[in-house]
Amino acid sequence: MPNLLFICSKNQWRSPTAELLFKNHPLHSARSAGTNNNARVRVNQKMIDWADVLFVMERKHRDIIRERYIISNQPVVVLEVPDDYQFEDPELIEILRISLADYL
């Protein structure tokens, strides 16, 4: 079962919404984290190591994790989702469903 890690800034809205899409998914496990010091759940090396695929909401998140952590062979996918949505916003869910269609 591939492990998917979703990363945004504060782990409040975008990445938890993406994680929720995979709740009870038969083929994937998902977690979420944030890059900021005050993130609800802050990304760490153990999470990076756990993940088979890393999904970041913006390029700045990709740059931060590449700077701070050791990324082995995991792909880092930039979803290009701006910080314009609240948790479980229907528009955000639709954007994520389209972006993640190959995994859902």
Protein backbone atom coordinates (compact mmCIF):
# COMPACT_ATOMS: atom_id res chain seq x y z
CA MET A 1 0.00 0.00 0.00
CA PRO A 2 1.73 3.21 -1.12
CA ASN A 3 2.08 5.94 1.50
CA LEU A 4 1.14 9.46 0.42
CA LEU A 5 2.25 12.56 2.33
CA PHE A 6 0.53 15.90 1.69
CA ILE A 7 2.38 19.05 2.68
CA CYS A 8 1.27 22.66 2.93
CA SER A 9 2.32 25.51 5.23
CA LYS A 10 0.31 25.23 8.45
CA ASN A 11 -1.37 21.83 7.97
CA GLN A 12 -4.72 23.47 8.62
CA TRP A 13 -6.69 23.49 5.37
CA ARG A 14 -5.14 22.15 2.19
CA SER A 15 -3.07 19.15 3.25
CA PRO A 16 -5.61 17.86 5.82
CA THR A 17 -8.32 18.10 3.17
CA ALA A 18 -6.17 16.05 0.80
CA GLU A 19 -5.45 13.53 3.55
CA LEU A 20 -9.18 13.22 4.24
CA LEU A 21 -9.83 12.23 0.62
CA PHE A 22 -7.81 9.08 1.28
CA LYS A 23 -9.43 8.12 4.58
CA ASN A 24 -10.21 4.39 4.43
CA HIS A 25 -8.81 4.19 0.89
CA PRO A 26 -8.23 0.53 -0.09
CA LEU A 27 -4.92 1.14 -1.89
CA HIS A 28 -3.19 4.09 -0.19
CA SER A 29 -2.36 5.42 3.26
CA ALA A 30 -2.18 9.17 3.64
CA ARG A 31 -0.87 11.67 6.15
CA SER A 32 -0.48 15.43 6.12
CA ALA A 33 1.93 17.93 7.58
CA GLY A 34 3.05 21.54 7.35
CA THR A 35 6.36 23.27 6.81
CA ASN A 36 5.88 26.19 9.23
CA ASN A 37 7.14 26.09 12.80
CA ASN A 38 3.57 26.66 14.00
CA ALA A 39 2.03 23.97 11.78
CA ARG A 40 -0.65 21.77 13.37
CA VAL A 41 1.54 18.76 12.49
CA ARG A 42 5.04 19.73 11.40
CA VAL A 43 6.75 17.67 8.72
CA ASN A 44 9.82 15.75 9.86
CA GLN A 45 12.35 13.30 8.43
CA LYS A 46 10.45 10.28 9.75
CA MET A 47 7.37 11.34 7.76
CA ILE A 48 9.46 11.93 4.66
CA ASP A 49 11.00 8.46 5.03
CA TRP A 50 7.52 6.91 5.49
CA ALA A 51 6.16 8.40 2.28
CA ASP A 52 6.36 6.78 -1.14
CA VAL A 53 5.10 9.97 -2.82
CA LEU A 54 5.33 13.53 -1.50
CA PHE A 55 2.64 15.98 -2.60
CA VAL A 56 3.25 19.65 -1.93
CA MET A 57 0.69 22.38 -2.48
CA GLU A 58 3.16 24.98 -3.78
CA ARG A 59 6.70 25.11 -5.14
CA LYS A 60 7.88 26.87 -1.99
CA HIS A 61 6.94 23.73 -0.01
CA ARG A 62 9.00 21.57 -2.39
CA ASP A 63 11.96 23.90 -1.97
CA ILE A 64 11.64 23.88 1.83
CA ILE A 65 11.52 20.10 2.17
CA ARG A 66 14.40 19.64 -0.26
CA GLU A 67 16.44 22.11 1.77
CA ARG A 68 15.63 20.67 5.20
CA TYR A 69 15.26 16.92 4.62
CA ILE A 70 16.84 14.01 2.82
CA ILE A 71 14.59 12.99 -0.05
CA SER A 72 15.53 9.57 -1.39
CA ASN A 73 13.78 8.24 -4.49
CA GLN A 74 10.32 9.55 -3.69
CA PRO A 75 8.74 11.73 -6.33
CA VAL A 76 7.82 15.22 -5.15
CA VAL A 77 4.65 16.35 -6.91
CA VAL A 78 3.75 20.05 -6.89
CA LEU A 79 -0.04 20.38 -6.99
CA GLU A 80 -0.08 24.17 -7.50
CA VAL A 81 -2.94 24.73 -5.04
CA PRO A 82 -2.83 28.30 -3.67
CA ASP A 83 -3.60 29.07 -0.03
CA ASP A 84 -7.07 30.36 -0.91
CA TYR A 85 -9.28 27.65 0.60
CA GLN A 86 -10.65 26.59 3.96
CA PHE A 87 -10.68 23.01 5.26
CA GLU A 88 -13.00 20.83 3.16
CA ASP A 89 -13.90 23.70 0.82
CA PRO A 90 -15.88 22.08 -2.05
CA GLU A 91 -13.76 23.87 -4.67
CA LEU A 92 -10.56 22.66 -2.98
CA ILE A 93 -11.90 19.11 -2.89
CA GLU A 94 -12.68 19.26 -6.61
CA ILE A 95 -9.21 20.63 -7.45
CA LEU A 96 -7.60 17.87 -5.39
CA ARG A 97 -9.80 15.15 -6.92
CA ILE A 98 -8.75 16.24 -10.40
CA SER A 99 -5.07 16.57 -9.46
CA LEU A 100 -5.03 13.25 -7.63
CA ALA A 101 -7.25 11.25 -10.00
CA ASP A 102 -4.49 8.70 -10.68
CA TYR A 103 -4.30 7.90 -6.96
CA LEU A 104 -7.98 8.08 -6.00
